[in-house]
Amino acid sequence: RLIARYRVAGDWQLGAFTPRPRAPRSSLMSVQIHQSAINNTLEQLVPRDHAMAIDEVIRQAASTFGYEAELTDEIPADVTVQFAKTRPITIEIEDGRLWVTMRIVTMKRGRGLKLHRFIVRAPYKPTADGTRAMLVRDGHLSISGPGMSVRQRLPIRAVFNKVLSPNQPISLTLPALYDHPAMDNLAISQMDLRAGWLGVAISDSQAEKLAWDVDAEIRR
């Protein structure tokens, strides 16, 4: 068994303080990553001193994490956003869910729409198909802002329902992994989201799996 541990952070950044998930005994390969490592990366990724086209934000974020974003025609090309200087995009992992939070200073669309200072939050749940591990949006968007009316929330919801679409899962495993011949007869056996940690394991396809349905009893 080969174990490698990395602390991907500077001394000024947050780190993990909770125990990492334990992989199933049957696992042939497993990875545990703490939300702080992702948030530290996102904090350096997002430009905060100028507005940026929202489709470019998606492409840049995907490229940083090693894959090419598959943008649909639904993604509005004429929307620009400027993120907050502090914690522009963060994720929080708790009780089987991953929450994506975007803090936006300004959003513009064409010449007719300009909105300021709001937060968009979306919940995701884990799912898997063979060796493909994914996160799928599960629930409604939460939109908040100081003094924001229902009328102002509507265009934000319309835009971010496409950006964070339930029909566009976030892939956690790359084609280089799940298309590799060595992955034949293997499958995801664990997707554990709790206490800030994301744990993913791969085992023989016939091995017992750790349930990742948050509405079911988690058992080995």
C-alpha atoms as a PDB file:
ATOM      1  CA  ARG A   1       0.000   0.000   0.000  1.00  0.00           C
ATOM      2  CA  LEU A   2       1.346   3.415  -1.030  1.00  0.00           C
ATOM      3  CA  ILE A   3       0.106   6.497   0.839  1.00  0.00           C
ATOM      4  CA  ALA A   4       0.916  10.087  -0.171  1.00  0.00           C
ATOM      5  CA  ARG A   5      -0.209  13.143   1.790  1.00  0.00           C
ATOM      6  CA  TYR A   6       0.083  16.741   0.639  1.00  0.00           C
ATOM      7  CA  ARG A   7      -0.684  20.016   2.374  1.00  0.00           C
ATOM      8  CA  VAL A   8      -1.543  22.355  -0.480  1.00  0.00           C
ATOM      9  CA  ALA A   9      -1.518  25.679   1.327  1.00  0.00           C
ATOM     10  CA  GLY A  10       0.642  28.542   2.470  1.00  0.00           C
ATOM     11  CA  ASP A  11       1.063  29.404   6.144  1.00  0.00           C
ATOM     12  CA  TRP A  12      -1.519  32.197   5.742  1.00  0.00           C
ATOM     13  CA  GLN A  13      -4.251  29.876   4.402  1.00  0.00           C
ATOM     14  CA  LEU A  14      -6.782  27.661   6.103  1.00  0.00           C
ATOM     15  CA  GLY A  15      -6.132  23.931   6.525  1.00  0.00           C
ATOM     16  CA  ALA A  16      -8.060  20.843   7.599  1.00  0.00           C
ATOM     17  CA  PHE A  17      -8.782  20.274  11.297  1.00  0.00           C
ATOM     18  CA  THR A  18     -11.122  17.248  11.142  1.00  0.00           C
ATOM     19  CA  PRO A  19     -10.208  13.564  10.565  1.00  0.00           C
ATOM     20  CA  ARG A  20     -10.213  12.426   6.944  1.00  0.00           C
ATOM     21  CA  PRO A  21     -12.712   9.736   5.825  1.00  0.00           C
ATOM     22  CA  ARG A  22     -11.500   6.139   5.913  1.00  0.00           C
ATOM     23  CA  ALA A  23     -11.542   4.301   2.599  1.00  0.00           C
ATOM     24  CA  PRO A  24     -13.216   0.863   2.352  1.00  0.00           C
ATOM     25  CA  ARG A  25     -10.872  -2.080   2.921  1.00  0.00           C
ATOM     26  CA  SER A  26     -11.644  -3.306  -0.593  1.00  0.00           C
ATOM     27  CA  SER A  27     -10.400  -0.106  -2.251  1.00  0.00           C
ATOM     28  CA  LEU A  28      -7.591  -0.328  -4.791  1.00  0.00           C
ATOM     29  CA  MET A  29      -7.210   3.447  -4.921  1.00  0.00           C
ATOM     30  CA  SER A  30      -8.661   6.232  -2.793  1.00  0.00           C
ATOM     31  CA  VAL A  31      -8.351   9.996  -2.471  1.00  0.00           C
ATOM     32  CA  GLN A  32      -9.424  12.303   0.352  1.00  0.00           C
ATOM     33  CA  ILE A  33      -9.323  16.058  -0.182  1.00  0.00           C
ATOM     34  CA  HIS A  34     -10.354  18.783   2.240  1.00  0.00           C
ATOM     35  CA  GLN A  35     -12.480  21.731   1.172  1.00  0.00           C
ATOM     36  CA  SER A  36      -9.764  24.158   2.324  1.00  0.00           C
ATOM     37  CA  ALA A  37      -7.414  22.929  -0.435  1.00  0.00           C
ATOM     38  CA  ILE A  38     -10.079  23.653  -3.055  1.00  0.00           C
ATOM     39  CA  ASN A  39     -11.013  27.004  -1.523  1.00  0.00           C
ATOM     40  CA  ASN A  40      -7.371  28.099  -1.330  1.00  0.00           C
ATOM     41  CA  THR A  41      -7.072  27.341  -5.065  1.00  0.00           C
ATOM     42  CA  LEU A  42     -10.312  29.129  -5.939  1.00  0.00           C
ATOM     43  CA  GLU A  43      -9.250  32.215  -3.990  1.00  0.00           C
ATOM     44  CA  GLN A  44      -6.183  32.594  -6.209  1.00  0.00           C
ATOM     45  CA  LEU A  45      -8.039  31.681  -9.388  1.00  0.00           C
ATOM     46  CA  VAL A  46     -10.840  34.223  -9.505  1.00  0.00           C
ATOM     47  CA  PRO A  47     -10.018  37.770 -10.687  1.00  0.00           C
ATOM     48  CA  ARG A  48     -11.477  40.306  -8.250  1.00  0.00           C
ATOM     49  CA  ASP A  49     -10.242  43.623  -9.648  1.00  0.00           C
ATOM     50  CA  HIS A  50     -12.232  43.523 -12.894  1.00  0.00           C
ATOM     51  CA  ALA A  51     -15.361  42.026 -14.448  1.00  0.00           C
ATOM     52  CA  MET A  52     -15.140  38.834 -16.501  1.00  0.00           C
ATOM     53  CA  ALA A  53     -17.485  37.037 -18.916  1.00  0.00           C
ATOM     54  CA  ILE A  54     -19.194  34.268 -17.002  1.00  0.00           C
ATOM     55  CA  ASP A  55     -18.470  31.604 -19.628  1.00  0.00           C
ATOM     56  CA  GLU A  56     -14.765  32.465 -19.368  1.00  0.00           C
ATOM     57  CA  VAL A  57     -14.908  32.092 -15.581  1.00  0.00           C
ATOM     58  CA  ILE A  58     -16.257  28.556 -16.058  1.00  0.00           C
ATOM     59  CA  ARG A  59     -13.567  27.653 -18.617  1.00  0.00           C
ATOM     60  CA  GLN A  60     -10.780  29.017 -16.439  1.00  0.00           C
ATOM     61  CA  ALA A  61     -12.014  27.212 -13.322  1.00  0.00           C
ATOM     62  CA  ALA A  62     -12.344  23.914 -15.195  1.00  0.00           C
ATOM     63  CA  SER A  63      -8.861  24.268 -16.673  1.00  0.00           C
ATOM     64  CA  THR A  64      -7.360  24.846 -13.231  1.00  0.00           C
ATOM     65  CA  PHE A  65      -8.832  21.570 -11.988  1.00  0.00           C
ATOM     66  CA  GLY A  66      -7.630  19.642 -15.029  1.00  0.00           C
ATOM     67  CA  TYR A  67     -10.548  19.269 -17.384  1.00  0.00           C
ATOM     68  CA  GLU A  68     -12.196  21.076 -20.282  1.00  0.00           C
ATOM     69  CA  ALA A  69     -15.581  22.636 -19.552  1.00  0.00           C
ATOM     70  CA  GLU A  70     -18.405  21.460 -21.795  1.00  0.00           C
ATOM     71  CA  LEU A  71     -20.412  24.649 -22.165  1.00  0.00           C
ATOM     72  CA  THR A  72     -23.914  24.400 -23.581  1.00  0.00           C
ATOM     73  CA  ASP A  73     -25.741  27.037 -25.609  1.00  0.00           C
ATOM     74  CA  GLU A  74     -27.729  27.809 -22.458  1.00  0.00           C
ATOM     75  CA  ILE A  75     -24.763  29.605 -20.866  1.00  0.00           C
ATOM     76  CA  PRO A  76     -25.344  33.322 -21.549  1.00  0.00           C
ATOM     77  CA  ALA A  77     -22.415  34.832 -23.448  1.00  0.00           C
ATOM     78  CA  ASP A  78     -23.347  38.448 -22.691  1.00  0.00           C
ATOM     79  CA  VAL A  79     -23.169  38.239 -18.885  1.00  0.00           C
ATOM     80  CA  THR A  80     -20.175  39.608 -16.981  1.00  0.00           C
ATOM     81  CA  VAL A  81     -19.536  39.289 -13.250  1.00  0.00           C
ATOM     82  CA  GLN A  82     -17.104  40.838 -10.804  1.00  0.00           C
ATOM     83  CA  PHE A  83     -16.473  38.779  -7.676  1.00  0.00           C
ATOM     84  CA  ALA A  84     -16.009  39.974  -4.113  1.00  0.00           C
ATOM     85  CA  LYS A  85     -12.410  40.544  -2.978  1.00  0.00           C
ATOM     86  CA  THR A  86     -12.835  38.220   0.011  1.00  0.00           C
ATOM     87  CA  ARG A  87     -13.827  34.559  -0.503  1.00  0.00           C
ATOM     88  CA  PRO A  88     -15.179  35.098  -4.046  1.00  0.00           C
ATOM     89  CA  ILE A  89     -16.083  31.411  -4.612  1.00  0.00           C
ATOM     90  CA  THR A  90     -16.066  28.815  -1.858  1.00  0.00           C
ATOM     91  CA  ILE A  91     -17.315  25.304  -1.257  1.00  0.00           C
ATOM     92  CA  GLU A  92     -18.567  23.791   1.999  1.00  0.00           C
ATOM     93  CA  ILE A  93     -18.905  20.029   2.515  1.00  0.00           C
ATOM     94  CA  GLU A  94     -21.265  18.710   5.175  1.00  0.00           C
ATOM     95  CA  ASP A  95     -23.703  15.826   5.709  1.00  0.00           C
ATOM     96  CA  GLY A  96     -23.454  14.325   2.233  1.00  0.00           C
ATOM     97  CA  ARG A  97     -23.741  17.604   0.347  1.00  0.00           C
ATOM     98  CA  LEU A  98     -21.310  20.022  -1.291  1.00  0.00           C
ATOM     99  CA  TRP A  99     -22.421  23.660  -1.358  1.00  0.00           C
ATOM    100  CA  VAL A 100     -21.042  26.107  -3.931  1.00  0.00           C
ATOM    101  CA  THR A 101     -21.187  29.755  -2.863  1.00  0.00           C
ATOM    102  CA  MET A 102     -20.475  32.714  -5.168  1.00  0.00           C
ATOM    103  CA  ARG A 103     -20.123  36.229  -3.755  1.00  0.00           C
ATOM    104  CA  ILE A 104     -20.652  38.769  -6.510  1.00  0.00           C
ATOM    105  CA  VAL A 105     -20.118  42.530  -6.426  1.00  0.00           C
ATOM    106  CA  THR A 106     -21.619  43.329  -9.840  1.00  0.00           C
ATOM    107  CA  MET A 107     -23.428  41.399 -12.573  1.00  0.00           C
ATOM    108  CA  LYS A 108     -24.200  42.958 -15.946  1.00  0.00           C
ATOM    109  CA  ARG A 109     -26.096  41.651 -18.944  1.00  0.00           C
ATOM    110  CA  GLY A 110     -26.055  43.739 -22.090  1.00  0.00           C
ATOM    111  CA  ARG A 111     -27.090  47.324 -21.492  1.00  0.00           C
ATOM    112  CA  GLY A 112     -30.283  46.626 -19.607  1.00  0.00           C
ATOM    113  CA  LEU A 113     -29.286  44.714 -16.466  1.00  0.00           C
ATOM    114  CA  LYS A 114     -26.916  45.703 -13.678  1.00  0.00           C
ATOM    115  CA  LEU A 115     -27.171  44.234 -10.173  1.00  0.00           C
ATOM    116  CA  HIS A 116     -24.909  44.681  -7.149  1.00  0.00           C
ATOM    117  CA  ARG A 117     -23.800  42.764  -4.055  1.00  0.00           C
ATOM    118  CA  PHE A 118     -25.480  39.400  -3.844  1.00  0.00           C
ATOM    119  CA  ILE A 119     -24.671  35.795  -2.963  1.00  0.00           C
ATOM    120  CA  VAL A 120     -25.639  32.690  -4.946  1.00  0.00           C
ATOM    121  CA  ARG A 121     -25.559  29.298  -3.223  1.00  0.00           C
ATOM    122  CA  ALA A 122     -26.258  25.860  -4.733  1.00  0.00           C
ATOM    123  CA  PRO A 123     -26.290  22.352  -3.186  1.00  0.00           C
ATOM    124  CA  TYR A 124     -24.751  19.332  -4.924  1.00  0.00           C
ATOM    125  CA  LYS A 125     -25.033  15.616  -4.159  1.00  0.00           C
ATOM    126  CA  PRO A 126     -22.626  12.821  -5.178  1.00  0.00           C
ATOM    127  CA  THR A 127     -23.395  10.179  -7.781  1.00  0.00           C
ATOM    128  CA  ALA A 128     -21.374   7.680  -9.784  1.00  0.00           C
ATOM    129  CA  ASP A 129     -21.503   5.591 -12.938  1.00  0.00           C
ATOM    130  CA  GLY A 130     -18.793   2.947 -13.086  1.00  0.00           C
ATOM    131  CA  THR A 131     -15.525   4.808 -12.475  1.00  0.00           C
ATOM    132  CA  ARG A 132     -17.095   8.203 -13.188  1.00  0.00           C
ATOM    133  CA  ALA A 133     -17.650  10.164  -9.974  1.00  0.00           C
ATOM    134  CA  MET A 134     -19.836  13.248 -10.284  1.00  0.00           C
ATOM    135  CA  LEU A 135     -21.607  15.956  -8.327  1.00  0.00           C
ATOM    136  CA  VAL A 136     -25.128  16.862  -9.455  1.00  0.00           C
ATOM    137  CA  ARG A 137     -27.064  19.905  -8.337  1.00  0.00           C
ATOM    138  CA  ASP A 138     -29.767  18.853  -5.929  1.00  0.00           C
ATOM    139  CA  GLY A 139     -32.211  21.577  -4.962  1.00  0.00           C
ATOM    140  CA  HIS A 140     -33.024  25.209  -5.602  1.00  0.00           C
ATOM    141  CA  LEU A 141     -30.599  28.096  -5.722  1.00  0.00           C
ATOM    142  CA  SER A 142     -30.378  30.372  -2.702  1.00  0.00           C
ATOM    143  CA  ILE A 143     -30.016  34.060  -3.640  1.00  0.00           C
ATOM    144  CA  SER A 144     -29.514  36.758  -1.046  1.00  0.00           C
ATOM    145  CA  GLY A 145     -28.436  40.376  -0.937  1.00  0.00           C
ATOM    146  CA  PRO A 146     -29.041  43.498   1.171  1.00  0.00           C
ATOM    147  CA  GLY A 147     -32.471  44.906   0.364  1.00  0.00           C
ATOM    148  CA  MET A 148     -32.813  42.689  -2.724  1.00  0.00           C
ATOM    149  CA  SER A 149     -36.376  42.374  -4.018  1.00  0.00           C
ATOM    150  CA  VAL A 150     -38.034  39.351  -5.617  1.00  0.00           C
ATOM    151  CA  ARG A 151     -37.963  41.188  -8.943  1.00  0.00           C
ATOM    152  CA  GLN A 152     -34.182  41.616  -8.720  1.00  0.00           C
ATOM    153  CA  ARG A 153     -33.696  37.952  -7.812  1.00  0.00           C
ATOM    154  CA  LEU A 154     -35.497  36.687 -10.924  1.00  0.00           C
ATOM    155  CA  PRO A 155     -32.812  37.580 -13.540  1.00  0.00           C
ATOM    156  CA  ILE A 156     -30.076  36.281 -11.206  1.00  0.00           C
ATOM    157  CA  ARG A 157     -31.924  32.987 -10.833  1.00  0.00           C
ATOM    158  CA  ALA A 158     -32.447  32.781 -14.612  1.00  0.00           C
ATOM    159  CA  VAL A 159     -28.704  33.203 -15.276  1.00  0.00           C
ATOM    160  CA  PHE A 160     -27.353  30.942 -12.544  1.00  0.00           C
ATOM    161  CA  ASN A 161     -29.880  28.182 -13.163  1.00  0.00           C
ATOM    162  CA  LYS A 162     -28.000  27.821 -16.464  1.00  0.00           C
ATOM    163  CA  VAL A 163     -24.503  28.330 -15.064  1.00  0.00           C
ATOM    164  CA  LEU A 164     -25.138  25.847 -12.221  1.00  0.00           C
ATOM    165  CA  SER A 165     -27.521  23.664 -14.186  1.00  0.00           C
ATOM    166  CA  PRO A 166     -28.912  20.425 -12.669  1.00  0.00           C
ATOM    167  CA  ASN A 167     -28.317  18.911 -16.129  1.00  0.00           C
ATOM    168  CA  GLN A 168     -24.592  19.731 -16.082  1.00  0.00           C
ATOM    169  CA  PRO A 169     -22.840  17.562 -13.462  1.00  0.00           C
ATOM    170  CA  ILE A 170     -19.405  18.415 -12.087  1.00  0.00           C
ATOM    171  CA  SER A 171     -17.028  15.574 -12.927  1.00  0.00           C
ATOM    172  CA  LEU A 172     -14.632  14.474 -10.172  1.00  0.00           C
ATOM    173  CA  THR A 173     -12.775  11.886 -12.255  1.00  0.00           C
ATOM    174  CA  LEU A 174     -11.079  12.752 -15.523  1.00  0.00           C
ATOM    175  CA  PRO A 175     -11.292  10.828 -18.835  1.00  0.00           C
ATOM    176  CA  ALA A 176      -7.602   9.925 -18.415  1.00  0.00           C
ATOM    177  CA  LEU A 177      -8.721   7.827 -15.448  1.00  0.00           C
ATOM    178  CA  TYR A 178     -12.124   6.372 -16.336  1.00  0.00           C
ATOM    179  CA  ASP A 179     -11.189   5.676 -19.988  1.00  0.00           C
ATOM    180  CA  HIS A 180      -7.925   3.939 -19.068  1.00  0.00           C
ATOM    181  CA  PRO A 181      -7.826   0.183 -19.860  1.00  0.00           C
ATOM    182  CA  ALA A 182      -6.614  -0.518 -16.311  1.00  0.00           C
ATOM    183  CA  MET A 183     -10.004   0.677 -15.025  1.00  0.00           C
ATOM    184  CA  ASP A 184     -11.874  -2.244 -16.647  1.00  0.00           C
ATOM    185  CA  ASN A 185     -13.987  -4.147 -14.085  1.00  0.00           C
ATOM    186  CA  LEU A 186     -13.489  -1.413 -11.489  1.00  0.00           C
ATOM    187  CA  ALA A 187     -16.058   1.003 -10.048  1.00  0.00           C
ATOM    188  CA  ILE A 188     -16.502   3.822  -7.565  1.00  0.00           C
ATOM    189  CA  SER A 189     -17.059   2.173  -4.182  1.00  0.00           C
ATOM    190  CA  GLN A 190     -17.173   5.261  -1.950  1.00  0.00           C
ATOM    191  CA  MET A 191     -18.149   8.921  -2.156  1.00  0.00           C
ATOM    192  CA  ASP A 192     -18.026  10.330   1.346  1.00  0.00           C
ATOM    193  CA  LEU A 193     -18.871  14.013   1.926  1.00  0.00           C
ATOM    194  CA  ARG A 194     -18.679  15.091   5.558  1.00  0.00           C
ATOM    195  CA  ALA A 195     -16.922  17.418   8.005  1.00  0.00           C
ATOM    196  CA  GLY A 196     -15.251  19.340   5.181  1.00  0.00           C
ATOM    197  CA  TRP A 197     -13.860  16.228   3.457  1.00  0.00           C
ATOM    198  CA  LEU A 198     -14.535  14.610   0.093  1.00  0.00           C
ATOM    199  CA  GLY A 199     -13.470  10.961  -0.011  1.00  0.00           C
ATOM    200  CA  VAL A 200     -13.579   8.890  -3.215  1.00  0.00           C
ATOM    201  CA  ALA A 201     -12.497   5.264  -3.577  1.00  0.00           C
ATOM    202  CA  ILE A 202     -12.265   2.782  -6.462  1.00  0.00           C
ATOM    203  CA  SER A 203     -12.632  -0.984  -5.966  1.00  0.00           C
ATOM    204  CA  ASP A 204     -13.429  -4.103  -7.938  1.00  0.00           C
ATOM    205  CA  SER A 205     -16.873  -3.662  -9.495  1.00  0.00           C
ATOM    206  CA  GLN A 206     -18.193  -6.615  -7.448  1.00  0.00           C
ATOM    207  CA  ALA A 207     -16.955  -5.230  -4.129  1.00  0.00           C
ATOM    208  CA  GLU A 208     -19.356  -3.941  -1.500  1.00  0.00           C
ATOM    209  CA  LYS A 209     -20.031  -0.240  -1.883  1.00  0.00           C
ATOM    210  CA  LEU A 210     -20.405   2.459   0.720  1.00  0.00           C
ATOM    211  CA  ALA A 211     -23.799   4.091   0.161  1.00  0.00           C
ATOM    212  CA  TRP A 212     -23.638   7.783  -0.734  1.00  0.00           C
ATOM    213  CA  ASP A 213     -27.371   8.458  -0.791  1.00  0.00           C
ATOM    214  CA  VAL A 214     -27.690  11.003   2.030  1.00  0.00           C
ATOM    215  CA  ASP A 215     -31.290   9.942   2.583  1.00  0.00           C
ATOM    216  CA  ALA A 216     -30.200   6.350   3.216  1.00  0.00           C
ATOM    217  CA  GLU A 217     -28.411   4.925   6.214  1.00  0.00           C
ATOM    218  CA  ILE A 218     -24.655   5.098   5.595  1.00  0.00           C
ATOM    219  CA  ARG A 219     -23.167   1.667   6.160  1.00  0.00           C
ATOM    220  CA  ARG A 220     -20.250  -0.424   5.028  1.00  0.00           C
END
